[in-house]
Amino acid sequence: MFPQYTLSTNNLILGGISINNLLLIEDNLEIAELVEHHLNSEGLHVLTANDGEEALNLFFKNKFDLILLDLMLPKLPGKEVLRKIREHSSIPILIISAKDSEFDKILGLELGADDYITKPFSLLELTARVQAALRRVNYYTINEDSKSDFITLGPFTLNFDTYQLFKDDEPINLTAKEFEILKLFFENPKKVFTKAQIFSRVWEDDFIKDENTVMVHIRRLREKIENDPSDPKYIKTIWGIGYKLGDI
C-alpha cells in the first residue's frame, strides 16, 4: 500500500495565502505521516488524530479550515465523528476511505461530507480537492469584513460574505458545497446546468465528473430549503439534462 502514496512536489500552490489549519483524522500511521508531511511541506499546518475520540478532542479545542476524515477509525467510527462535527460546524469535510462502494460514498455525503476520496488515492487528486476547498475558505475569510454582498430571491436571502442563507428571515445551515450550488443557481436563475457542469463549477474539478455526488448534494439541499422535498419548487429537475432554479 505505501508506494501508492508517492510524494509529489507540484500539486498544491497556495502562494500569497495565509497558512490554513487542517485536521487529518487517519488511523493508518504510515498514510497519516505521509499526508501530513506532504501538506505541511506545501505550507499548510496539519494536526493529526489517529482515532475518533482524539479527533473530536482536537476539533473542539482548535480552529480548523478543513478536515480530512477516514471512516474506519478506532474508539469512535468516522461516521459518528462526522455527525458530531456537523452538529456544530459547516467546515469543509473531505472523506478519505478504503470503503469504495456507491452506498458508502452516498452515505458519507448524506451525513454532511463535502467530498469523498477513495483509497488508494494519489496526492495529485488529494491536493487538488484540498486546494479547491481552501480557495473558498480563504475567499470568505478575506471578505468577511467587507460590505455585505447578497442576493434576495423570493423568500431567500443568500449572503456571499457570511456564507449564510435565510428563508423568510429564518437561518438555514448549509455546508460549503450546498451553499456554492445554491449560489450557482441564484446567480444564473434561467440557466439549466448538467450534473457535470455543477461538479466542475462547484468542486472546481474538470477531470472528474461525479454525478452521484451532485445528486446527493441536490437532495440534501432540497431537504433544507423546500416546503415539500418530494415535490421541489425551488430546485427543479430538467429530465435528461440536469437542474435549474425554479420560479421563485
C-alpha atoms as a PDB file:
ATOM      1  CA  MET A   1       0.000   0.000   0.000  1.00  0.00           C
ATOM      2  CA  PHE A   2       2.691   2.519   0.958  1.00  0.00           C
ATOM      3  CA  PRO A   3       4.208   3.054  -2.535  1.00  0.00           C
ATOM      4  CA  GLN A   4       0.782   4.036  -3.905  1.00  0.00           C
ATOM      5  CA  TYR A   5       1.011   7.311  -1.975  1.00  0.00           C
ATOM      6  CA  THR A   6       4.117   8.634  -3.738  1.00  0.00           C
ATOM      7  CA  LEU A   7       5.022  12.199  -2.868  1.00  0.00           C
ATOM      8  CA  SER A   8       4.766  14.911  -5.490  1.00  0.00           C
ATOM      9  CA  THR A   9       6.033  18.451  -5.033  1.00  0.00           C
ATOM     10  CA  ASN A  10       3.943  20.156  -7.706  1.00  0.00           C
ATOM     11  CA  ASN A  11       0.379  19.616  -6.562  1.00  0.00           C
ATOM     12  CA  LEU A  12      -0.761  22.348  -4.178  1.00  0.00           C
ATOM     13  CA  ILE A  13       0.031  26.012  -4.794  1.00  0.00           C
ATOM     14  CA  LEU A  14      -1.102  28.471  -2.137  1.00  0.00           C
ATOM     15  CA  GLY A  15       1.189  31.390  -2.870  1.00  0.00           C
ATOM     16  CA  GLY A  16       0.198  34.604  -1.169  1.00  0.00           C
ATOM     17  CA  ILE A  17      -2.400  32.943   1.057  1.00  0.00           C
ATOM     18  CA  SER A  18      -2.066  32.719   4.819  1.00  0.00           C
ATOM     19  CA  ILE A  19      -1.464  29.320   6.368  1.00  0.00           C
ATOM     20  CA  ASN A  20      -4.569  27.177   6.749  1.00  0.00           C
ATOM     21  CA  ASN A  21      -5.129  24.736   9.591  1.00  0.00           C
ATOM     22  CA  LEU A  22      -6.162  21.205   8.637  1.00  0.00           C
ATOM     23  CA  LEU A  23      -7.284  18.326  10.832  1.00  0.00           C
ATOM     24  CA  LEU A  24      -6.253  14.939   9.426  1.00  0.00           C
ATOM     25  CA  ILE A  25      -8.129  12.015  11.008  1.00  0.00           C
ATOM     26  CA  GLU A  26      -6.417   8.782   9.948  1.00  0.00           C
ATOM     27  CA  ASP A  27      -5.569   5.647  11.944  1.00  0.00           C
ATOM     28  CA  ASN A  28      -3.064   4.242   9.428  1.00  0.00           C
ATOM     29  CA  LEU A  29       0.159   5.730  10.773  1.00  0.00           C
ATOM     30  CA  GLU A  30       2.101   5.415   7.510  1.00  0.00           C
ATOM     31  CA  ILE A  31      -0.570   7.160   5.468  1.00  0.00           C
ATOM     32  CA  ALA A  32      -1.091   9.794   8.158  1.00  0.00           C
ATOM     33  CA  GLU A  33       2.626  10.571   8.333  1.00  0.00           C
ATOM     34  CA  LEU A  34       2.972  10.792   4.554  1.00  0.00           C
ATOM     35  CA  VAL A  35      -0.082  13.020   4.032  1.00  0.00           C
ATOM     36  CA  GLU A  36       0.805  15.250   6.986  1.00  0.00           C
ATOM     37  CA  HIS A  37       4.402  15.648   5.802  1.00  0.00           C
ATOM     38  CA  HIS A  38       3.306  16.470   2.260  1.00  0.00           C
ATOM     39  CA  LEU A  39       0.669  19.033   3.222  1.00  0.00           C
ATOM     40  CA  ASN A  40       2.981  20.640   5.757  1.00  0.00           C
ATOM     41  CA  SER A  41       5.648  20.917   3.055  1.00  0.00           C
ATOM     42  CA  GLU A  42       3.090  22.754   0.897  1.00  0.00           C
ATOM     43  CA  GLY A  43       2.687  25.478   3.518  1.00  0.00           C
ATOM     44  CA  LEU A  44      -0.294  24.106   5.432  1.00  0.00           C
ATOM     45  CA  HIS A  45      -0.456  23.422   9.151  1.00  0.00           C
ATOM     46  CA  VAL A  46      -1.739  19.895   9.813  1.00  0.00           C
ATOM     47  CA  LEU A  47      -2.731  18.312  13.121  1.00  0.00           C
ATOM     48  CA  THR A  48      -3.333  14.566  13.070  1.00  0.00           C
ATOM     49  CA  ALA A  49      -5.659  12.389  15.118  1.00  0.00           C
ATOM     50  CA  ASN A  50      -5.421   8.588  14.966  1.00  0.00           C
ATOM     51  CA  ASP A  51      -8.819   7.740  16.462  1.00  0.00           C
ATOM     52  CA  GLY A  52     -12.300   9.237  16.657  1.00  0.00           C
ATOM     53  CA  GLU A  53     -12.145  10.406  20.254  1.00  0.00           C
ATOM     54  CA  GLU A  54      -8.837  12.200  19.739  1.00  0.00           C
ATOM     55  CA  ALA A  55     -10.261  13.794  16.590  1.00  0.00           C
ATOM     56  CA  LEU A  56     -13.227  15.344  18.402  1.00  0.00           C
ATOM     57  CA  ASN A  57     -10.986  16.490  21.231  1.00  0.00           C
ATOM     58  CA  LEU A  58      -8.729  18.326  18.757  1.00  0.00           C
ATOM     59  CA  PHE A  59     -11.689  19.708  16.809  1.00  0.00           C
ATOM     60  CA  PHE A  60     -13.305  21.333  19.828  1.00  0.00           C
ATOM     61  CA  LYS A  61     -10.018  22.770  21.138  1.00  0.00           C
ATOM     62  CA  ASN A  62      -8.716  24.265  17.882  1.00  0.00           C
ATOM     63  CA  LYS A  63      -9.896  26.270  14.879  1.00  0.00           C
ATOM     64  CA  PHE A  64      -9.580  24.409  11.572  1.00  0.00           C
ATOM     65  CA  ASP A  65     -10.297  25.384   7.976  1.00  0.00           C
ATOM     66  CA  LEU A  66     -10.659  21.856   6.576  1.00  0.00           C
ATOM     67  CA  ILE A  67     -10.979  18.268   7.807  1.00  0.00           C
ATOM     68  CA  LEU A  68      -9.712  15.106   6.107  1.00  0.00           C
ATOM     69  CA  LEU A  69     -11.626  12.195   7.640  1.00  0.00           C
ATOM     70  CA  ASP A  70     -11.138   8.444   7.406  1.00  0.00           C
ATOM     71  CA  LEU A  71     -14.308   6.462   8.096  1.00  0.00           C
ATOM     72  CA  MET A  72     -12.731   3.376   9.624  1.00  0.00           C
ATOM     73  CA  LEU A  73     -11.451   4.612  12.987  1.00  0.00           C
ATOM     74  CA  PRO A  74     -10.861   3.034  16.403  1.00  0.00           C
ATOM     75  CA  LYS A  75     -12.725   4.173  19.546  1.00  0.00           C
ATOM     76  CA  LEU A  76     -15.315   6.179  17.604  1.00  0.00           C
ATOM     77  CA  PRO A  77     -16.346   5.470  13.975  1.00  0.00           C
ATOM     78  CA  GLY A  78     -15.714   8.142  11.381  1.00  0.00           C
ATOM     79  CA  LYS A  79     -19.418   8.426  10.585  1.00  0.00           C
ATOM     80  CA  GLU A  80     -20.128   9.298  14.213  1.00  0.00           C
ATOM     81  CA  VAL A  81     -17.289  11.832  14.194  1.00  0.00           C
ATOM     82  CA  LEU A  82     -18.836  13.387  11.080  1.00  0.00           C
ATOM     83  CA  ARG A  83     -22.269  13.588  12.698  1.00  0.00           C
ATOM     84  CA  LYS A  84     -20.928  15.286  15.824  1.00  0.00           C
ATOM     85  CA  ILE A  85     -18.881  17.820  13.855  1.00  0.00           C
ATOM     86  CA  ARG A  86     -21.851  18.673  11.637  1.00  0.00           C
ATOM     87  CA  GLU A  87     -23.925  19.415  14.735  1.00  0.00           C
ATOM     88  CA  HIS A  88     -21.582  22.320  15.454  1.00  0.00           C
ATOM     89  CA  SER A  89     -19.912  23.395  12.218  1.00  0.00           C
ATOM     90  CA  SER A  90     -20.231  23.641   8.429  1.00  0.00           C
ATOM     91  CA  ILE A  91     -16.452  23.308   7.976  1.00  0.00           C
ATOM     92  CA  PRO A  92     -15.488  21.568   4.697  1.00  0.00           C
ATOM     93  CA  ILE A  93     -15.006  17.829   5.319  1.00  0.00           C
ATOM     94  CA  LEU A  94     -13.316  15.522   2.821  1.00  0.00           C
ATOM     95  CA  ILE A  95     -13.712  11.808   3.481  1.00  0.00           C
ATOM     96  CA  ILE A  96     -10.721   9.612   2.646  1.00  0.00           C
ATOM     97  CA  SER A  97     -11.692   5.965   2.929  1.00  0.00           C
ATOM     98  CA  ALA A  98     -10.968   2.449   1.696  1.00  0.00           C
ATOM     99  CA  LYS A  99     -14.725   1.885   1.524  1.00  0.00           C
ATOM    100  CA  ASP A 100     -15.357   2.456  -2.159  1.00  0.00           C
ATOM    101  CA  SER A 101     -18.915   1.217  -2.681  1.00  0.00           C
ATOM    102  CA  GLU A 102     -21.504   3.648  -4.007  1.00  0.00           C
ATOM    103  CA  PHE A 103     -23.519   3.044  -0.823  1.00  0.00           C
ATOM    104  CA  ASP A 104     -20.656   4.172   1.422  1.00  0.00           C
ATOM    105  CA  LYS A 105     -19.946   7.225  -0.725  1.00  0.00           C
ATOM    106  CA  ILE A 106     -23.578   8.302  -0.776  1.00  0.00           C
ATOM    107  CA  LEU A 107     -23.969   7.659   2.963  1.00  0.00           C
ATOM    108  CA  GLY A 108     -20.919   9.788   3.723  1.00  0.00           C
ATOM    109  CA  LEU A 109     -22.271  12.623   1.609  1.00  0.00           C
ATOM    110  CA  GLU A 110     -25.724  12.279   3.142  1.00  0.00           C
ATOM    111  CA  LEU A 111     -24.168  12.657   6.593  1.00  0.00           C
ATOM    112  CA  GLY A 112     -22.723  16.006   5.559  1.00  0.00           C
ATOM    113  CA  ALA A 113     -19.347  15.421   3.919  1.00  0.00           C
ATOM    114  CA  ASP A 114     -18.409  17.763   1.070  1.00  0.00           C
ATOM    115  CA  ASP A 115     -16.326  15.304  -0.904  1.00  0.00           C
ATOM    116  CA  TYR A 116     -15.235  11.646  -0.909  1.00  0.00           C
ATOM    117  CA  ILE A 117     -11.837  10.309  -1.967  1.00  0.00           C
ATOM    118  CA  THR A 118     -11.254   6.562  -2.207  1.00  0.00           C
ATOM    119  CA  LYS A 119      -8.056   4.827  -1.079  1.00  0.00           C
ATOM    120  CA  PRO A 120      -5.620   4.254  -2.592  1.00  0.00           C
ATOM    121  CA  PHE A 121      -5.523   7.866  -3.767  1.00  0.00           C
ATOM    122  CA  SER A 122      -2.852   9.939  -5.456  1.00  0.00           C
ATOM    123  CA  LEU A 123      -1.551  13.066  -3.794  1.00  0.00           C
ATOM    124  CA  LEU A 124      -2.339  14.886  -7.041  1.00  0.00           C
ATOM    125  CA  GLU A 125      -6.029  14.133  -6.565  1.00  0.00           C
ATOM    126  CA  LEU A 126      -5.991  14.774  -2.814  1.00  0.00           C
ATOM    127  CA  THR A 127      -4.246  18.126  -3.030  1.00  0.00           C
ATOM    128  CA  ALA A 128      -6.447  19.243  -5.938  1.00  0.00           C
ATOM    129  CA  ARG A 129      -9.520  18.639  -3.796  1.00  0.00           C
ATOM    130  CA  VAL A 130      -7.907  20.342  -0.779  1.00  0.00           C
ATOM    131  CA  GLN A 131      -6.873  23.301  -2.908  1.00  0.00           C
ATOM    132  CA  ALA A 132     -10.380  23.812  -4.286  1.00  0.00           C
ATOM    133  CA  ALA A 133     -11.929  23.698  -0.810  1.00  0.00           C
ATOM    134  CA  LEU A 134      -9.354  26.063   0.689  1.00  0.00           C
ATOM    135  CA  ARG A 135      -9.810  28.625  -2.081  1.00  0.00           C
ATOM    136  CA  ARG A 136     -13.365  29.134  -0.849  1.00  0.00           C
ATOM    137  CA  VAL A 137     -12.312  29.213   2.799  1.00  0.00           C
ATOM    138  CA  ASN A 138      -9.718  31.882   2.069  1.00  0.00           C
ATOM    139  CA  TYR A 139     -12.056  33.887  -0.152  1.00  0.00           C
ATOM    140  CA  TYR A 140     -14.686  34.214   2.536  1.00  0.00           C
ATOM    141  CA  THR A 141     -12.089  34.881   5.234  1.00  0.00           C
ATOM    142  CA  ILE A 142     -10.602  37.724   3.194  1.00  0.00           C
ATOM    143  CA  ASN A 143     -14.035  39.228   2.502  1.00  0.00           C
ATOM    144  CA  GLU A 144     -15.695  38.670   5.855  1.00  0.00           C
ATOM    145  CA  ASP A 145     -15.104  42.276   6.963  1.00  0.00           C
ATOM    146  CA  SER A 146     -16.196  43.861   3.702  1.00  0.00           C
ATOM    147  CA  LYS A 147     -19.611  45.243   2.884  1.00  0.00           C
ATOM    148  CA  SER A 148     -22.216  42.512   2.647  1.00  0.00           C
ATOM    149  CA  ASP A 149     -22.789  41.080  -0.823  1.00  0.00           C
ATOM    150  CA  PHE A 150     -26.035  39.160  -1.168  1.00  0.00           C
ATOM    151  CA  ILE A 151     -28.864  38.082  -3.435  1.00  0.00           C
ATOM    152  CA  THR A 152     -32.512  38.092  -2.409  1.00  0.00           C
ATOM    153  CA  LEU A 153     -34.924  35.951  -4.415  1.00  0.00           C
ATOM    154  CA  GLY A 154     -38.450  35.326  -3.175  1.00  0.00           C
ATOM    155  CA  PRO A 155     -38.255  34.165   0.454  1.00  0.00           C
ATOM    156  CA  PHE A 156     -34.488  33.610   0.286  1.00  0.00           C
ATOM    157  CA  THR A 157     -31.524  35.827   1.067  1.00  0.00           C
ATOM    158  CA  LEU A 158     -28.121  34.381   0.244  1.00  0.00           C
ATOM    159  CA  ASN A 159     -25.234  36.293   1.819  1.00  0.00           C
ATOM    160  CA  PHE A 160     -21.951  35.680  -0.012  1.00  0.00           C
ATOM    161  CA  ASP A 161     -19.759  37.288   2.636  1.00  0.00           C
ATOM    162  CA  THR A 162     -21.070  35.439   5.679  1.00  0.00           C
ATOM    163  CA  TYR A 163     -21.938  32.182   3.877  1.00  0.00           C
ATOM    164  CA  GLN A 164     -25.473  32.312   5.277  1.00  0.00           C
ATOM    165  CA  LEU A 165     -28.881  31.505   3.846  1.00  0.00           C
ATOM    166  CA  PHE A 166     -32.120  32.907   5.229  1.00  0.00           C
ATOM    167  CA  LYS A 167     -35.613  31.786   4.280  1.00  0.00           C
ATOM    168  CA  ASP A 168     -38.318  34.182   5.469  1.00  0.00           C
ATOM    169  CA  ASP A 169     -35.670  35.658   7.787  1.00  0.00           C
ATOM    170  CA  GLU A 170     -35.011  32.248   9.377  1.00  0.00           C
ATOM    171  CA  PRO A 171     -31.424  30.973   9.073  1.00  0.00           C
ATOM    172  CA  ILE A 172     -30.779  27.671   7.287  1.00  0.00           C
ATOM    173  CA  ASN A 173     -27.462  25.931   7.920  1.00  0.00           C
ATOM    174  CA  LEU A 174     -25.714  24.879   4.718  1.00  0.00           C
ATOM    175  CA  THR A 175     -22.425  23.140   4.119  1.00  0.00           C
ATOM    176  CA  ALA A 176     -19.908  24.893   1.877  1.00  0.00           C
ATOM    177  CA  LYS A 177     -20.847  22.795  -1.158  1.00  0.00           C
ATOM    178  CA  GLU A 178     -24.588  23.243  -0.613  1.00  0.00           C
ATOM    179  CA  PHE A 179     -24.037  26.996  -0.421  1.00  0.00           C
ATOM    180  CA  GLU A 180     -21.988  27.004  -3.635  1.00  0.00           C
ATOM    181  CA  ILE A 181     -24.638  25.024  -5.514  1.00  0.00           C
ATOM    182  CA  LEU A 182     -27.389  27.409  -4.429  1.00  0.00           C
ATOM    183  CA  LYS A 183     -25.178  30.397  -5.228  1.00  0.00           C
ATOM    184  CA  LEU A 184     -24.626  28.992  -8.733  1.00  0.00           C
ATOM    185  CA  PHE A 185     -28.384  28.746  -9.285  1.00  0.00           C
ATOM    186  CA  PHE A 186     -29.120  32.167  -7.793  1.00  0.00           C
ATOM    187  CA  GLU A 187     -26.522  33.859  -9.988  1.00  0.00           C
ATOM    188  CA  ASN A 188     -27.881  32.086 -13.092  1.00  0.00           C
ATOM    189  CA  PRO A 189     -31.639  31.879 -12.470  1.00  0.00           C
ATOM    190  CA  LYS A 190     -32.617  30.965 -16.048  1.00  0.00           C
ATOM    191  CA  LYS A 191     -29.779  28.561 -16.836  1.00  0.00           C
ATOM    192  CA  VAL A 192     -30.037  24.772 -16.844  1.00  0.00           C
ATOM    193  CA  PHE A 193     -26.927  23.044 -15.500  1.00  0.00           C
ATOM    194  CA  THR A 194     -25.924  19.475 -16.217  1.00  0.00           C
ATOM    195  CA  LYS A 195     -24.554  17.400 -13.333  1.00  0.00           C
ATOM    196  CA  ALA A 196     -21.106  17.569 -14.942  1.00  0.00           C
ATOM    197  CA  GLN A 197     -21.290  21.363 -15.142  1.00  0.00           C
ATOM    198  CA  ILE A 198     -22.325  21.639 -11.498  1.00  0.00           C
ATOM    199  CA  PHE A 199     -19.486  19.363 -10.421  1.00  0.00           C
ATOM    200  CA  SER A 200     -16.975  21.343 -12.485  1.00  0.00           C
ATOM    201  CA  ARG A 201     -18.175  24.733 -11.195  1.00  0.00           C
ATOM    202  CA  VAL A 202     -18.684  23.831  -7.532  1.00  0.00           C
ATOM    203  CA  TRP A 203     -15.935  21.273  -6.969  1.00  0.00           C
ATOM    204  CA  GLU A 204     -13.639  23.094  -9.441  1.00  0.00           C
ATOM    205  CA  ASP A 205     -12.564  19.769 -10.874  1.00  0.00           C
ATOM    206  CA  ASP A 206     -12.636  19.315 -14.634  1.00  0.00           C
ATOM    207  CA  PHE A 207     -11.138  15.823 -14.804  1.00  0.00           C
ATOM    208  CA  ILE A 208     -13.642  14.077 -12.520  1.00  0.00           C
ATOM    209  CA  LYS A 209     -17.384  14.072 -13.183  1.00  0.00           C
ATOM    210  CA  ASP A 210     -19.092  12.531 -10.149  1.00  0.00           C
ATOM    211  CA  GLU A 211     -22.842  12.601 -10.803  1.00  0.00           C
ATOM    212  CA  ASN A 212     -23.729  10.749  -7.589  1.00  0.00           C
ATOM    213  CA  THR A 213     -22.010  13.425  -5.512  1.00  0.00           C
ATOM    214  CA  VAL A 214     -24.041  16.135  -7.221  1.00  0.00           C
ATOM    215  CA  MET A 215     -27.307  14.200  -6.840  1.00  0.00           C
ATOM    216  CA  VAL A 216     -26.748  13.650  -3.114  1.00  0.00           C
ATOM    217  CA  HIS A 217     -25.979  17.323  -2.519  1.00  0.00           C
ATOM    218  CA  ILE A 218     -29.056  18.413  -4.514  1.00  0.00           C
ATOM    219  CA  ARG A 219     -31.240  16.042  -2.499  1.00  0.00           C
ATOM    220  CA  ARG A 220     -29.759  17.266   0.782  1.00  0.00           C
ATOM    221  CA  LEU A 221     -30.207  20.902  -0.273  1.00  0.00           C
ATOM    222  CA  ARG A 222     -33.834  20.289  -1.186  1.00  0.00           C
ATOM    223  CA  GLU A 223     -34.475  18.755   2.229  1.00  0.00           C
ATOM    224  CA  LYS A 224     -33.306  22.023   3.786  1.00  0.00           C
ATOM    225  CA  ILE A 225     -34.976  24.632   1.585  1.00  0.00           C
ATOM    226  CA  GLU A 226     -38.071  23.068   0.026  1.00  0.00           C
ATOM    227  CA  ASN A 227     -41.503  23.108   1.651  1.00  0.00           C
ATOM    228  CA  ASP A 228     -42.031  19.631   0.180  1.00  0.00           C
ATOM    229  CA  PRO A 229     -38.738  17.978  -0.883  1.00  0.00           C
ATOM    230  CA  SER A 230     -40.650  15.231  -2.721  1.00  0.00           C
ATOM    231  CA  ASP A 231     -42.239  17.903  -4.919  1.00  0.00           C
ATOM    232  CA  PRO A 232     -39.464  20.513  -5.226  1.00  0.00           C
ATOM    233  CA  LYS A 233     -40.386  24.047  -6.211  1.00  0.00           C
ATOM    234  CA  TYR A 234     -37.102  25.905  -5.902  1.00  0.00           C
ATOM    235  CA  ILE A 235     -34.628  23.474  -7.490  1.00  0.00           C
ATOM    236  CA  LYS A 236     -36.243  21.860 -10.494  1.00  0.00           C
ATOM    237  CA  THR A 237     -35.094  18.713 -12.276  1.00  0.00           C
ATOM    238  CA  ILE A 238     -34.927  19.035 -16.060  1.00  0.00           C
ATOM    239  CA  TRP A 239     -35.174  15.391 -17.050  1.00  0.00           C
ATOM    240  CA  GLY A 240     -32.380  14.149 -19.262  1.00  0.00           C
ATOM    241  CA  ILE A 241     -30.383  17.351 -18.757  1.00  0.00           C
ATOM    242  CA  GLY A 242     -29.851  18.455 -15.166  1.00  0.00           C
ATOM    243  CA  TYR A 243     -31.191  21.113 -12.784  1.00  0.00           C
ATOM    244  CA  LYS A 244     -32.268  24.748 -12.738  1.00  0.00           C
ATOM    245  CA  LEU A 245     -33.671  27.292 -10.327  1.00  0.00           C
ATOM    246  CA  GLY A 246     -37.456  27.165 -10.208  1.00  0.00           C
ATOM    247  CA  ASP A 247     -39.782  30.131 -10.320  1.00  0.00           C
ATOM    248  CA  ILE A 248     -39.287  31.958  -7.020  1.00  0.00           C
END
